[in-house]
Amino acid sequence: MSDSKDYVSRCEELGNVHISEEVLAAISAAAALEVEGVSSLANPSKKNAAKGVHVKLEEEQVVITMAVLMAYGHTIPEMGKAVQEAVKNAIESMSGLAVSAVNVSVVGIVFPAKEQ
């Protein structure tokens, strides 16, 4: 999907359904944040939690790319796979679109605050 398009469109029986890429990014962000071990998304803003999520449509399938900060003490491969599954399931169940890939980059680790 080129950068100029903001919507994913589907032709349904009763008409067209347009889903904003921003909505797909928000669904992805919410699903990722529910995974144990994900501390936060990288580069989120207070107004738009999905700012660090990129959505692209390739051959009628959605590709999600996101960067996360991981909580210390979790296993990167397990957490990454859990994020991929959660995001894929959320997008497919809520939008009806097929997800071909969920690319997750772990860009940092968040350590627990020291007790005083």
PDB file of N, CA and C in Angstrom:
ATOM      1  N   MET A   1       0.852  -1.167   0.000  1.00  0.00           N
ATOM      2  CA  MET A   1       0.000   0.000   0.000  1.00  0.00           C
ATOM      3  C   MET A   1       0.893   1.224   0.000  1.00  0.00           C
ATOM      4  N   SER A   2       0.619   2.127  -0.885  1.00  0.00           N
ATOM      5  CA  SER A   2       1.456   3.322  -0.960  1.00  0.00           C
ATOM      6  C   SER A   2       1.155   4.250   0.211  1.00  0.00           C
ATOM      7  N   ASP A   3       2.076   5.162   0.467  1.00  0.00           N
ATOM      8  CA  ASP A   3       1.923   6.071   1.598  1.00  0.00           C
ATOM      9  C   ASP A   3       0.742   7.020   1.431  1.00  0.00           C
ATOM     10  N   SER A   4       0.261   7.211   0.205  1.00  0.00           N
ATOM     11  CA  SER A   4      -0.821   8.158  -0.019  1.00  0.00           C
ATOM     12  C   SER A   4      -2.185   7.588   0.362  1.00  0.00           C
ATOM     13  N   LYS A   5      -2.314   6.285   0.469  1.00  0.00           N
ATOM     14  CA  LYS A   5      -3.590   5.684   0.831  1.00  0.00           C
ATOM     15  C   LYS A   5      -3.694   5.563   2.340  1.00  0.00           C
ATOM     16  N   ASP A   6      -4.861   5.910   2.858  1.00  0.00           N
ATOM     17  CA  ASP A   6      -5.091   5.834   4.291  1.00  0.00           C
ATOM     18  C   ASP A   6      -6.106   4.770   4.662  1.00  0.00           C
ATOM     19  N   TYR A   7      -6.685   4.095   3.679  1.00  0.00           N
ATOM     20  CA  TYR A   7      -7.746   3.135   3.933  1.00  0.00           C
ATOM     21  C   TYR A   7      -7.495   1.830   3.195  1.00  0.00           C
ATOM     22  N   VAL A   8      -7.940   0.732   3.813  1.00  0.00           N
ATOM     23  CA  VAL A   8      -7.985  -0.562   3.158  1.00  0.00           C
ATOM     24  C   VAL A   8      -9.449  -0.767   2.811  1.00  0.00           C
ATOM     25  N   SER A   9      -9.751  -1.038   1.555  1.00  0.00           N
ATOM     26  CA  SER A   9     -11.137  -1.156   1.115  1.00  0.00           C
ATOM     27  C   SER A   9     -11.477  -2.593   0.757  1.00  0.00           C
ATOM     28  N   ARG A  10     -12.698  -2.970   1.095  1.00  0.00           N
ATOM     29  CA  ARG A  10     -13.206  -4.298   0.754  1.00  0.00           C
ATOM     30  C   ARG A  10     -14.577  -4.124   0.119  1.00  0.00           C
ATOM     31  N   CYS A  11     -14.816  -4.867  -0.919  1.00  0.00           N
ATOM     32  CA  CYS A  11     -16.110  -4.836  -1.582  1.00  0.00           C
ATOM     33  C   CYS A  11     -16.972  -5.940  -0.973  1.00  0.00           C
ATOM     34  N   GLU A  12     -18.049  -5.558  -0.327  1.00  0.00           N
ATOM     35  CA  GLU A  12     -18.957  -6.503   0.321  1.00  0.00           C
ATOM     36  C   GLU A  12     -20.258  -6.584  -0.464  1.00  0.00           C
ATOM     37  N   GLU A  13     -21.108  -7.494  -0.081  1.00  0.00           N
ATOM     38  CA  GLU A  13     -22.377  -7.727  -0.769  1.00  0.00           C
ATOM     39  C   GLU A  13     -23.255  -6.482  -0.832  1.00  0.00           C
ATOM     40  N   LEU A  14     -23.305  -5.734   0.261  1.00  0.00           N
ATOM     41  CA  LEU A  14     -24.173  -4.557   0.324  1.00  0.00           C
ATOM     42  C   LEU A  14     -23.452  -3.247   0.020  1.00  0.00           C
ATOM     43  N   GLY A  15     -22.172  -3.315  -0.288  1.00  0.00           N
ATOM     44  CA  GLY A  15     -21.414  -2.098  -0.590  1.00  0.00           C
ATOM     45  C   GLY A  15     -19.979  -2.236  -0.144  1.00  0.00           C
ATOM     46  N   ASN A  16     -19.272  -1.126  -0.137  1.00  0.00           N
ATOM     47  CA  ASN A  16     -17.861  -1.117   0.216  1.00  0.00           C
ATOM     48  C   ASN A  16     -17.655  -0.866   1.705  1.00  0.00           C
ATOM     49  N   VAL A  17     -16.609  -1.464   2.236  1.00  0.00           N
ATOM     50  CA  VAL A  17     -16.194  -1.220   3.613  1.00  0.00           C
ATOM     51  C   VAL A  17     -14.778  -0.670   3.549  1.00  0.00           C
ATOM     52  N   HIS A  18     -14.568   0.489   4.156  1.00  0.00           N
ATOM     53  CA  HIS A  18     -13.252   1.125   4.180  1.00  0.00           C
ATOM     54  C   HIS A  18     -12.747   1.103   5.614  1.00  0.00           C
ATOM     55  N   ILE A  19     -11.561   0.539   5.807  1.00  0.00           N
ATOM     56  CA  ILE A  19     -10.959   0.466   7.138  1.00  0.00           C
ATOM     57  C   ILE A  19      -9.696   1.315   7.121  1.00  0.00           C
ATOM     58  N   SER A  20      -9.640   2.270   7.998  1.00  0.00           N
ATOM     59  CA  SER A  20      -8.482   3.151   8.085  1.00  0.00           C
ATOM     60  C   SER A  20      -7.253   2.354   8.523  1.00  0.00           C
ATOM     61  N   GLU A  21      -6.115   2.661   7.924  1.00  0.00           N
ATOM     62  CA  GLU A  21      -4.867   2.032   8.351  1.00  0.00           C
ATOM     63  C   GLU A  21      -4.581   2.383   9.805  1.00  0.00           C
ATOM     64  N   GLU A  22      -5.021   3.560  10.217  1.00  0.00           N
ATOM     65  CA  GLU A  22      -4.848   3.985  11.605  1.00  0.00           C
ATOM     66  C   GLU A  22      -5.621   3.070  12.562  1.00  0.00           C
ATOM     67  N   VAL A  23      -6.799   2.620  12.135  1.00  0.00           N
ATOM     68  CA  VAL A  23      -7.592   1.693  12.946  1.00  0.00           C
ATOM     69  C   VAL A  23      -6.869   0.357  13.062  1.00  0.00           C
ATOM     70  N   LEU A  24      -6.323  -0.135  11.951  1.00  0.00           N
ATOM     71  CA  LEU A  24      -5.581  -1.397  11.977  1.00  0.00           C
ATOM     72  C   LEU A  24      -4.346  -1.273  12.874  1.00  0.00           C
ATOM     73  N   ALA A  25      -3.700  -0.121  12.837  1.00  0.00           N
ATOM     74  CA  ALA A  25      -2.539   0.109  13.695  1.00  0.00           C
ATOM     75  C   ALA A  25      -2.953   0.146  15.167  1.00  0.00           C
ATOM     76  N   ALA A  26      -4.088   0.755  15.466  1.00  0.00           N
ATOM     77  CA  ALA A  26      -4.570   0.820  16.847  1.00  0.00           C
ATOM     78  C   ALA A  26      -4.928  -0.566  17.366  1.00  0.00           C
ATOM     79  N   ILE A  27      -5.560  -1.382  16.539  1.00  0.00           N
ATOM     80  CA  ILE A  27      -5.879  -2.762  16.919  1.00  0.00           C
ATOM     81  C   ILE A  27      -4.588  -3.516  17.212  1.00  0.00           C
ATOM     82  N   SER A  28      -3.590  -3.351  16.345  1.00  0.00           N
ATOM     83  CA  SER A  28      -2.302  -4.022  16.520  1.00  0.00           C
ATOM     84  C   SER A  28      -1.627  -3.598  17.814  1.00  0.00           C
ATOM     85  N   ALA A  29      -1.633  -2.297  18.080  1.00  0.00           N
ATOM     86  CA  ALA A  29      -1.002  -1.777  19.293  1.00  0.00           C
ATOM     87  C   ALA A  29      -1.685  -2.319  20.536  1.00  0.00           C
ATOM     88  N   ALA A  30      -3.004  -2.313  20.552  1.00  0.00           N
ATOM     89  CA  ALA A  30      -3.747  -2.803  21.715  1.00  0.00           C
ATOM     90  C   ALA A  30      -3.467  -4.281  21.956  1.00  0.00           C
ATOM     91  N   ALA A  31      -3.435  -5.068  20.889  1.00  0.00           N
ATOM     92  CA  ALA A  31      -3.174  -6.501  21.025  1.00  0.00           C
ATOM     93  C   ALA A  31      -1.761  -6.749  21.548  1.00  0.00           C
ATOM     94  N   ALA A  32      -0.783  -6.008  21.035  1.00  0.00           N
ATOM     95  CA  ALA A  32       0.602  -6.184  21.474  1.00  0.00           C
ATOM     96  C   ALA A  32       0.773  -5.810  22.941  1.00  0.00           C
ATOM     97  N   LEU A  33       0.117  -4.751  23.372  1.00  0.00           N
ATOM     98  CA  LEU A  33       0.256  -4.298  24.753  1.00  0.00           C
ATOM     99  C   LEU A  33      -0.374  -5.245  25.763  1.00  0.00           C
ATOM    100  N   GLU A  34      -1.247  -6.125  25.301  1.00  0.00           N
ATOM    101  CA  GLU A  34      -1.857  -7.115  26.186  1.00  0.00           C
ATOM    102  C   GLU A  34      -0.957  -8.322  26.425  1.00  0.00           C
ATOM    103  N   VAL A  35       0.096  -8.468  25.640  1.00  0.00           N
ATOM    104  CA  VAL A  35       0.990  -9.610  25.760  1.00  0.00           C
ATOM    105  C   VAL A  35       1.906  -9.416  26.963  1.00  0.00           C
ATOM    106  N   GLU A  36       2.014 -10.459  27.784  1.00  0.00           N
ATOM    107  CA  GLU A  36       2.894 -10.396  28.941  1.00  0.00           C
ATOM    108  C   GLU A  36       4.337 -10.258  28.468  1.00  0.00           C
ATOM    109  N   GLY A  37       5.030  -9.311  29.027  1.00  0.00           N
ATOM    110  CA  GLY A  37       6.412  -9.069  28.656  1.00  0.00           C
ATOM    111  C   GLY A  37       6.595  -7.830  27.804  1.00  0.00           C
ATOM    112  N   VAL A  38       5.518  -7.326  27.208  1.00  0.00           N
ATOM    113  CA  VAL A  38       5.602  -6.096  26.431  1.00  0.00           C
ATOM    114  C   VAL A  38       5.401  -4.932  27.391  1.00  0.00           C
ATOM    115  N   SER A  39       6.422  -4.107  27.511  1.00  0.00           N
ATOM    116  CA  SER A  39       6.339  -2.953  28.403  1.00  0.00           C
ATOM    117  C   SER A  39       5.599  -1.803  27.723  1.00  0.00           C
ATOM    118  N   SER A  40       5.973  -1.535  26.465  1.00  0.00           N
ATOM    119  CA  SER A  40       5.319  -0.482  25.691  1.00  0.00           C
ATOM    120  C   SER A  40       5.743  -0.609  24.241  1.00  0.00           C
ATOM    121  N   LEU A  41       5.115   0.191  23.408  1.00  0.00           N
ATOM    122  CA  LEU A  41       5.542   0.284  22.016  1.00  0.00           C
ATOM    123  C   LEU A  41       6.636   1.334  21.938  1.00  0.00           C
ATOM    124  N   ALA A  42       7.531   1.167  21.005  1.00  0.00           N
ATOM    125  CA  ALA A  42       8.560   2.178  20.796  1.00  0.00           C
ATOM    126  C   ALA A  42       7.944   3.328  20.009  1.00  0.00           C
ATOM    127  N   ASN A  43       8.313   4.543  20.336  1.00  0.00           N
ATOM    128  CA  ASN A  43       7.861   5.764  19.661  1.00  0.00           C
ATOM    129  C   ASN A  43       6.361   6.034  19.760  1.00  0.00           C
ATOM    130  N   PRO A  44       5.680   5.608  20.821  1.00  0.00           N
ATOM    131  CA  PRO A  44       4.262   5.972  20.883  1.00  0.00           C
ATOM    132  C   PRO A  44       4.101   7.416  21.336  1.00  0.00           C
ATOM    133  N   SER A  45       3.001   8.002  20.945  1.00  0.00           N
ATOM    134  CA  SER A  45       2.697   9.339  21.449  1.00  0.00           C
ATOM    135  C   SER A  45       1.511   9.216  22.385  1.00  0.00           C
ATOM    136  N   LYS A  46       1.307  10.200  23.233  1.00  0.00           N
ATOM    137  CA  LYS A  46       0.174  10.140  24.157  1.00  0.00           C
ATOM    138  C   LYS A  46      -1.152  10.222  23.411  1.00  0.00           C
ATOM    139  N   LYS A  47      -1.176  10.957  22.310  1.00  0.00           N
ATOM    140  CA  LYS A  47      -2.412  11.082  21.548  1.00  0.00           C
ATOM    141  C   LYS A  47      -2.699   9.833  20.718  1.00  0.00           C
ATOM    142  N   ASN A  48      -1.638   9.193  20.211  1.00  0.00           N
ATOM    143  CA  ASN A  48      -1.829   8.067  19.308  1.00  0.00           C
ATOM    144  C   ASN A  48      -0.884   6.943  19.694  1.00  0.00           C
ATOM    145  N   ALA A  49      -1.393   5.968  20.453  1.00  0.00           N
ATOM    146  CA  ALA A  49      -0.570   4.866  20.924  1.00  0.00           C
ATOM    147  C   ALA A  49      -0.053   4.000  19.787  1.00  0.00           C
ATOM    148  N   ALA A  50      -0.686   4.062  18.623  1.00  0.00           N
ATOM    149  CA  ALA A  50      -0.312   3.214  17.499  1.00  0.00           C
ATOM    150  C   ALA A  50       0.699   3.881  16.569  1.00  0.00           C
ATOM    151  N   LYS A  51       1.266   4.997  16.973  1.00  0.00           N
ATOM    152  CA  LYS A  51       2.172   5.738  16.096  1.00  0.00           C
ATOM    153  C   LYS A  51       3.378   4.917  15.658  1.00  0.00           C
ATOM    154  N   GLY A  52       3.856   4.000  16.479  1.00  0.00           N
ATOM    155  CA  GLY A  52       5.006   3.173  16.149  1.00  0.00           C
ATOM    156  C   GLY A  52       4.658   1.932  15.357  1.00  0.00           C
ATOM    157  N   VAL A  53       3.423   1.794  14.918  1.00  0.00           N
ATOM    158  CA  VAL A  53       2.981   0.621  14.157  1.00  0.00           C
ATOM    159  C   VAL A  53       2.785   1.028  12.704  1.00  0.00           C
ATOM    160  N   HIS A  54       3.347   0.249  11.793  1.00  0.00           N
ATOM    161  CA  HIS A  54       3.201   0.524  10.364  1.00  0.00           C
ATOM    162  C   HIS A  54       2.387  -0.585   9.714  1.00  0.00           C
ATOM    163  N   VAL A  55       1.412  -0.192   8.906  1.00  0.00           N
ATOM    164  CA  VAL A  55       0.522  -1.122   8.224  1.00  0.00           C
ATOM    165  C   VAL A  55       0.752  -0.997   6.727  1.00  0.00           C
ATOM    166  N   LYS A  56       0.886  -2.145   6.071  1.00  0.00           N
ATOM    167  CA  LYS A  56       1.086  -2.147   4.622  1.00  0.00           C
ATOM    168  C   LYS A  56       0.226  -3.265   4.030  1.00  0.00           C
ATOM    169  N   LEU A  57      -0.371  -3.003   2.879  1.00  0.00           N
ATOM    170  CA  LEU A  57      -1.160  -4.018   2.192  1.00  0.00           C
ATOM    171  C   LEU A  57      -0.337  -4.539   1.029  1.00  0.00           C
ATOM    172  N   GLU A  58      -0.095  -5.859   1.022  1.00  0.00           N
ATOM    173  CA  GLU A  58       0.656  -6.500  -0.049  1.00  0.00           C
ATOM    174  C   GLU A  58      -0.178  -7.646  -0.606  1.00  0.00           C
ATOM    175  N   GLU A  59      -0.589  -7.523  -1.856  1.00  0.00           N
ATOM    176  CA  GLU A  59      -1.365  -8.568  -2.535  1.00  0.00           C
ATOM    177  C   GLU A  59      -2.562  -9.017  -1.704  1.00  0.00           C
ATOM    178  N   GLU A  60      -3.374  -8.054  -1.284  1.00  0.00           N
ATOM    179  CA  GLU A  60      -4.604  -8.293  -0.532  1.00  0.00           C
ATOM    180  C   GLU A  60      -4.374  -8.897   0.858  1.00  0.00           C
ATOM    181  N   GLN A  61      -3.164  -8.816   1.375  1.00  0.00           N
ATOM    182  CA  GLN A  61      -2.881  -9.260   2.722  1.00  0.00           C
ATOM    183  C   GLN A  61      -2.179  -8.139   3.476  1.00  0.00           C
ATOM    184  N   VAL A  62      -2.406  -8.091   4.772  1.00  0.00           N
ATOM    185  CA  VAL A  62      -1.869  -7.030   5.604  1.00  0.00           C
ATOM    186  C   VAL A  62      -0.518  -7.451   6.192  1.00  0.00           C
ATOM    187  N   VAL A  63       0.422  -6.534   6.184  1.00  0.00           N
ATOM    188  CA  VAL A  63       1.724  -6.732   6.824  1.00  0.00           C
ATOM    189  C   VAL A  63       1.851  -5.661   7.910  1.00  0.00           C
ATOM    190  N   ILE A  64       2.092  -6.105   9.134  1.00  0.00           N
ATOM    191  CA  ILE A  64       2.226  -5.204  10.275  1.00  0.00           C
ATOM    192  C   ILE A  64       3.692  -5.191  10.701  1.00  0.00           C
ATOM    193  N   THR A  65       4.235  -4.004  10.936  1.00  0.00           N
ATOM    194  CA  THR A  65       5.593  -3.856  11.450  1.00  0.00           C
ATOM    195  C   THR A  65       5.532  -2.975  12.678  1.00  0.00           C
ATOM    196  N   MET A  66       6.124  -3.456  13.777  1.00  0.00           N
ATOM    197  CA  MET A  66       6.088  -2.688  15.021  1.00  0.00           C
ATOM    198  C   MET A  66       7.366  -2.895  15.815  1.00  0.00           C
ATOM    199  N   ALA A  67       7.654  -1.929  16.661  1.00  0.00           N
ATOM    200  CA  ALA A  67       8.803  -2.001  17.558  1.00  0.00           C
ATOM    201  C   ALA A  67       8.284  -1.922  18.988  1.00  0.00           C
ATOM    202  N   VAL A  68       8.810  -2.815  19.838  1.00  0.00           N
ATOM    203  CA  VAL A  68       8.344  -2.875  21.221  1.00  0.00           C
ATOM    204  C   VAL A  68       9.503  -2.774  22.191  1.00  0.00           C
ATOM    205  N   LEU A  69       9.172  -2.341  23.394  1.00  0.00           N
ATOM    206  CA  LEU A  69      10.103  -2.384  24.520  1.00  0.00           C
ATOM    207  C   LEU A  69       9.663  -3.548  25.397  1.00  0.00           C
ATOM    208  N   MET A  70      10.610  -4.393  25.757  1.00  0.00           N
ATOM    209  CA  MET A  70      10.306  -5.602  26.509  1.00  0.00           C
ATOM    210  C   MET A  70      10.628  -5.412  27.982  1.00  0.00           C
ATOM    211  N   ALA A  71       9.801  -5.975  28.832  1.00  0.00           N
ATOM    212  CA  ALA A  71      10.071  -5.944  30.267  1.00  0.00           C
ATOM    213  C   ALA A  71      11.176  -6.949  30.578  1.00  0.00           C
ATOM    214  N   TYR A  72      12.106  -6.561  31.423  1.00  0.00           N
ATOM    215  CA  TYR A  72      13.224  -7.427  31.800  1.00  0.00           C
ATOM    216  C   TYR A  72      12.689  -8.711  32.426  1.00  0.00           C
ATOM    217  N   GLY A  73      13.345  -9.824  32.084  1.00  0.00           N
ATOM    218  CA  GLY A  73      12.987 -11.111  32.677  1.00  0.00           C
ATOM    219  C   GLY A  73      12.178 -12.002  31.762  1.00  0.00           C
ATOM    220  N   HIS A  74      11.835 -11.527  30.586  1.00  0.00           N
ATOM    221  CA  HIS A  74      11.071 -12.329  29.638  1.00  0.00           C
ATOM    222  C   HIS A  74      11.981 -12.814  28.518  1.00  0.00           C
ATOM    223  N   THR A  75      11.574 -13.888  27.868  1.00  0.00           N
ATOM    224  CA  THR A  75      12.353 -14.454  26.774  1.00  0.00           C
ATOM    225  C   THR A  75      11.931 -13.794  25.466  1.00  0.00           C
ATOM    226  N   ILE A  76      12.897 -13.234  24.742  1.00  0.00           N
ATOM    227  CA  ILE A  76      12.596 -12.483  23.525  1.00  0.00           C
ATOM    228  C   ILE A  76      11.861 -13.332  22.483  1.00  0.00           C
ATOM    229  N   PRO A  77      12.334 -14.535  22.139  1.00  0.00           N
ATOM    230  CA  PRO A  77      11.617 -15.308  21.114  1.00  0.00           C
ATOM    231  C   PRO A  77      10.174 -15.654  21.512  1.00  0.00           C
ATOM    232  N   GLU A  78       9.969 -16.012  22.776  1.00  0.00           N
ATOM    233  CA  GLU A  78       8.616 -16.361  23.230  1.00  0.00           C
ATOM    234  C   GLU A  78       7.694 -15.142  23.208  1.00  0.00           C
ATOM    235  N   MET A  79       8.204 -14.012  23.710  1.00  0.00           N
ATOM    236  CA  MET A  79       7.395 -12.794  23.723  1.00  0.00           C
ATOM    237  C   MET A  79       7.099 -12.339  22.296  1.00  0.00           C
ATOM    238  N   GLY A  80       8.110 -12.392  21.422  1.00  0.00           N
ATOM    239  CA  GLY A  80       7.914 -11.997  20.033  1.00  0.00           C
ATOM    240  C   GLY A  80       6.857 -12.831  19.334  1.00  0.00           C
ATOM    241  N   LYS A  81       6.910 -14.136  19.546  1.00  0.00           N
ATOM    242  CA  LYS A  81       5.915 -15.032  18.934  1.00  0.00           C
ATOM    243  C   LYS A  81       4.520 -14.758  19.491  1.00  0.00           C
ATOM    244  N   ALA A  82       4.436 -14.486  20.785  1.00  0.00           N
ATOM    245  CA  ALA A  82       3.143 -14.176  21.398  1.00  0.00           C
ATOM    246  C   ALA A  82       2.567 -12.883  20.825  1.00  0.00           C
ATOM    247  N   VAL A  83       3.417 -11.887  20.598  1.00  0.00           N
ATOM    248  CA  VAL A  83       2.964 -10.629  19.991  1.00  0.00           C
ATOM    249  C   VAL A  83       2.466 -10.896  18.575  1.00  0.00           C
ATOM    250  N   GLN A  84       3.225 -11.653  17.799  1.00  0.00           N
ATOM    251  CA  GLN A  84       2.818 -11.963  16.429  1.00  0.00           C
ATOM    252  C   GLN A  84       1.450 -12.636  16.397  1.00  0.00           C
ATOM    253  N   GLU A  85       1.252 -13.631  17.247  1.00  0.00           N
ATOM    254  CA  GLU A  85      -0.024 -14.357  17.278  1.00  0.00           C
ATOM    255  C   GLU A  85      -1.165 -13.458  17.736  1.00  0.00           C
ATOM    256  N   ALA A  86      -0.930 -12.645  18.768  1.00  0.00           N
ATOM    257  CA  ALA A  86      -1.976 -11.768  19.292  1.00  0.00           C
ATOM    258  C   ALA A  86      -2.407 -10.739  18.251  1.00  0.00           C
ATOM    259  N   VAL A  87      -1.431 -10.128  17.584  1.00  0.00           N
ATOM    260  CA  VAL A  87      -1.740  -9.107  16.577  1.00  0.00           C
ATOM    261  C   VAL A  87      -2.458  -9.736  15.388  1.00  0.00           C
ATOM    262  N   LYS A  88      -1.957 -10.863  14.908  1.00  0.00           N
ATOM    263  CA  LYS A  88      -2.578 -11.551  13.767  1.00  0.00           C
ATOM    264  C   LYS A  88      -4.026 -11.916  14.081  1.00  0.00           C
ATOM    265  N   ASN A  89      -4.260 -12.513  15.248  1.00  0.00           N
ATOM    266  CA  ASN A  89      -5.622 -12.898  15.632  1.00  0.00           C
ATOM    267  C   ASN A  89      -6.543 -11.693  15.771  1.00  0.00           C
ATOM    268  N   ALA A  90      -6.041 -10.619  16.362  1.00  0.00           N
ATOM    269  CA  ALA A  90      -6.866  -9.424  16.562  1.00  0.00           C
ATOM    270  C   ALA A  90      -7.252  -8.790  15.226  1.00  0.00           C
ATOM    271  N   ILE A  91      -6.287  -8.612  14.334  1.00  0.00           N
ATOM    272  CA  ILE A  91      -6.578  -7.999  13.026  1.00  0.00           C
ATOM    273  C   ILE A  91      -7.545  -8.861  12.234  1.00  0.00           C
ATOM    274  N   GLU A  92      -7.282 -10.165  12.173  1.00  0.00           N
ATOM    275  CA  GLU A  92      -8.136 -11.051  11.368  1.00  0.00           C
ATOM    276  C   GLU A  92      -9.553 -11.152  11.933  1.00  0.00           C
ATOM    277  N   SER A  93      -9.674 -11.205  13.258  1.00  0.00           N
ATOM    278  CA  SER A  93     -11.019 -11.342  13.830  1.00  0.00           C
ATOM    279  C   SER A  93     -11.813 -10.040  13.782  1.00  0.00           C
ATOM    280  N   MET A  94     -11.139  -8.902  13.932  1.00  0.00           N
ATOM    281  CA  MET A  94     -11.854  -7.631  13.969  1.00  0.00           C
ATOM    282  C   MET A  94     -12.099  -7.014  12.601  1.00  0.00           C
ATOM    283  N   SER A  95     -11.219  -7.307  11.631  1.00  0.00           N
ATOM    284  CA  SER A  95     -11.368  -6.671  10.322  1.00  0.00           C
ATOM    285  C   SER A  95     -11.740  -7.630   9.205  1.00  0.00           C
ATOM    286  N   GLY A  96     -11.505  -8.914   9.411  1.00  0.00           N
ATOM    287  CA  GLY A  96     -11.756  -9.884   8.354  1.00  0.00           C
ATOM    288  C   GLY A  96     -10.658  -9.920   7.303  1.00  0.00           C
ATOM    289  N   LEU A  97      -9.604  -9.132   7.490  1.00  0.00           N
ATOM    290  CA  LEU A  97      -8.490  -9.105   6.550  1.00  0.00           C
ATOM    291  C   LEU A  97      -7.474 -10.181   6.927  1.00  0.00           C
ATOM    292  N   ALA A  98      -6.813 -10.741   5.932  1.00  0.00           N
ATOM    293  CA  ALA A  98      -5.776 -11.743   6.183  1.00  0.00           C
ATOM    294  C   ALA A  98      -4.461 -11.041   6.504  1.00  0.00           C
ATOM    295  N   VAL A  99      -3.744 -11.572   7.478  1.00  0.00           N
ATOM    296  CA  VAL A  99      -2.442 -11.025   7.868  1.00  0.00           C
ATOM    297  C   VAL A  99      -1.376 -11.995   7.394  1.00  0.00           C
ATOM    298  N   SER A 100      -0.472 -11.507   6.549  1.00  0.00           N
ATOM    299  CA  SER A 100       0.588 -12.379   6.043  1.00  0.00           C
ATOM    300  C   SER A 100       1.837 -12.327   6.901  1.00  0.00           C
ATOM    301  N   ALA A 101       2.059 -11.212   7.611  1.00  0.00           N
ATOM    302  CA  ALA A 101       3.255 -11.101   8.454  1.00  0.00           C
ATOM    303  C   ALA A 101       3.047 -10.072   9.546  1.00  0.00           C
ATOM    304  N   VAL A 102       3.629 -10.367  10.698  1.00  0.00           N
ATOM    305  CA  VAL A 102       3.718  -9.403  11.791  1.00  0.00           C
ATOM    306  C   VAL A 102       5.191  -9.349  12.166  1.00  0.00           C
ATOM    307  N   ASN A 103       5.855  -8.277  11.789  1.00  0.00           N
ATOM    308  CA  ASN A 103       7.282  -8.100  12.053  1.00  0.00           C
ATOM    309  C   ASN A 103       7.454  -7.335  13.353  1.00  0.00           C
ATOM    310  N   VAL A 104       8.115  -7.970  14.313  1.00  0.00           N
ATOM    311  CA  VAL A 104       8.289  -7.377  15.636  1.00  0.00           C
ATOM    312  C   VAL A 104       9.774  -7.139  15.880  1.00  0.00           C
ATOM    313  N   SER A 105      10.122  -5.916  16.203  1.00  0.00           N
ATOM    314  CA  SER A 105      11.494  -5.576  16.579  1.00  0.00           C
ATOM    315  C   SER A 105      11.511  -5.234  18.059  1.00  0.00           C
ATOM    316  N   VAL A 106      12.359  -5.925  18.815  1.00  0.00           N
ATOM    317  CA  VAL A 106      12.549  -5.594  20.221  1.00  0.00           C
ATOM    318  C   VAL A 106      13.690  -4.587  20.254  1.00  0.00           C
ATOM    319  N   VAL A 107      13.360  -3.343  20.588  1.00  0.00           N
ATOM    320  CA  VAL A 107      14.334  -2.262  20.490  1.00  0.00           C
ATOM    321  C   VAL A 107      14.880  -1.806  21.838  1.00  0.00           C
ATOM    322  N   GLY A 108      14.403  -2.435  22.912  1.00  0.00           N
ATOM    323  CA  GLY A 108      14.912  -2.055  24.217  1.00  0.00           C
ATOM    324  C   GLY A 108      14.311  -2.916  25.311  1.00  0.00           C
ATOM    325  N   ILE A 109      14.934  -2.822  26.476  1.00  0.00           N
ATOM    326  CA  ILE A 109      14.467  -3.562  27.651  1.00  0.00           C
ATOM    327  C   ILE A 109      14.179  -2.551  28.757  1.00  0.00           C
ATOM    328  N   VAL A 110      13.046  -2.743  29.417  1.00  0.00           N
ATOM    329  CA  VAL A 110      12.665  -1.880  30.537  1.00  0.00           C
ATOM    330  C   VAL A 110      12.907  -2.656  31.823  1.00  0.00           C
ATOM    331  N   PHE A 111      13.737  -2.075  32.687  1.00  0.00           N
ATOM    332  CA  PHE A 111      14.054  -2.717  33.964  1.00  0.00           C
ATOM    333  C   PHE A 111      13.075  -2.250  35.032  1.00  0.00           C
ATOM    334  N   PRO A 112      12.760  -3.112  35.991  1.00  0.00           N
ATOM    335  CA  PRO A 112      11.836  -2.685  37.044  1.00  0.00           C
ATOM    336  C   PRO A 112      12.462  -1.580  37.886  1.00  0.00           C
ATOM    337  N   ALA A 113      11.608  -0.728  38.410  1.00  0.00           N
ATOM    338  CA  ALA A 113      12.084   0.371  39.257  1.00  0.00           C
ATOM    339  C   ALA A 113      12.643  -0.201  40.554  1.00  0.00           C
ATOM    340  N   LYS A 114      13.749   0.360  41.019  1.00  0.00           N
ATOM    341  CA  LYS A 114      14.349  -0.107  42.279  1.00  0.00           C
ATOM    342  C   LYS A 114      13.496   0.365  43.442  1.00  0.00           C
ATOM    343  N   GLU A 115      13.312  -0.544  44.390  1.00  0.00           N
ATOM    344  CA  GLU A 115      12.572  -0.183  45.605  1.00  0.00           C
ATOM    345  C   GLU A 115      13.500   0.599  46.525  1.00  0.00           C
ATOM    346  N   GLN A 116      12.941   1.597  47.168  1.00  0.00           N
ATOM    347  CA  GLN A 116      13.761   2.419  48.066  1.00  0.00           C
ATOM    348  C   GLN A 116      13.464   2.118  49.501  1.00  0.00           C
TER     349      GLN A 116
END
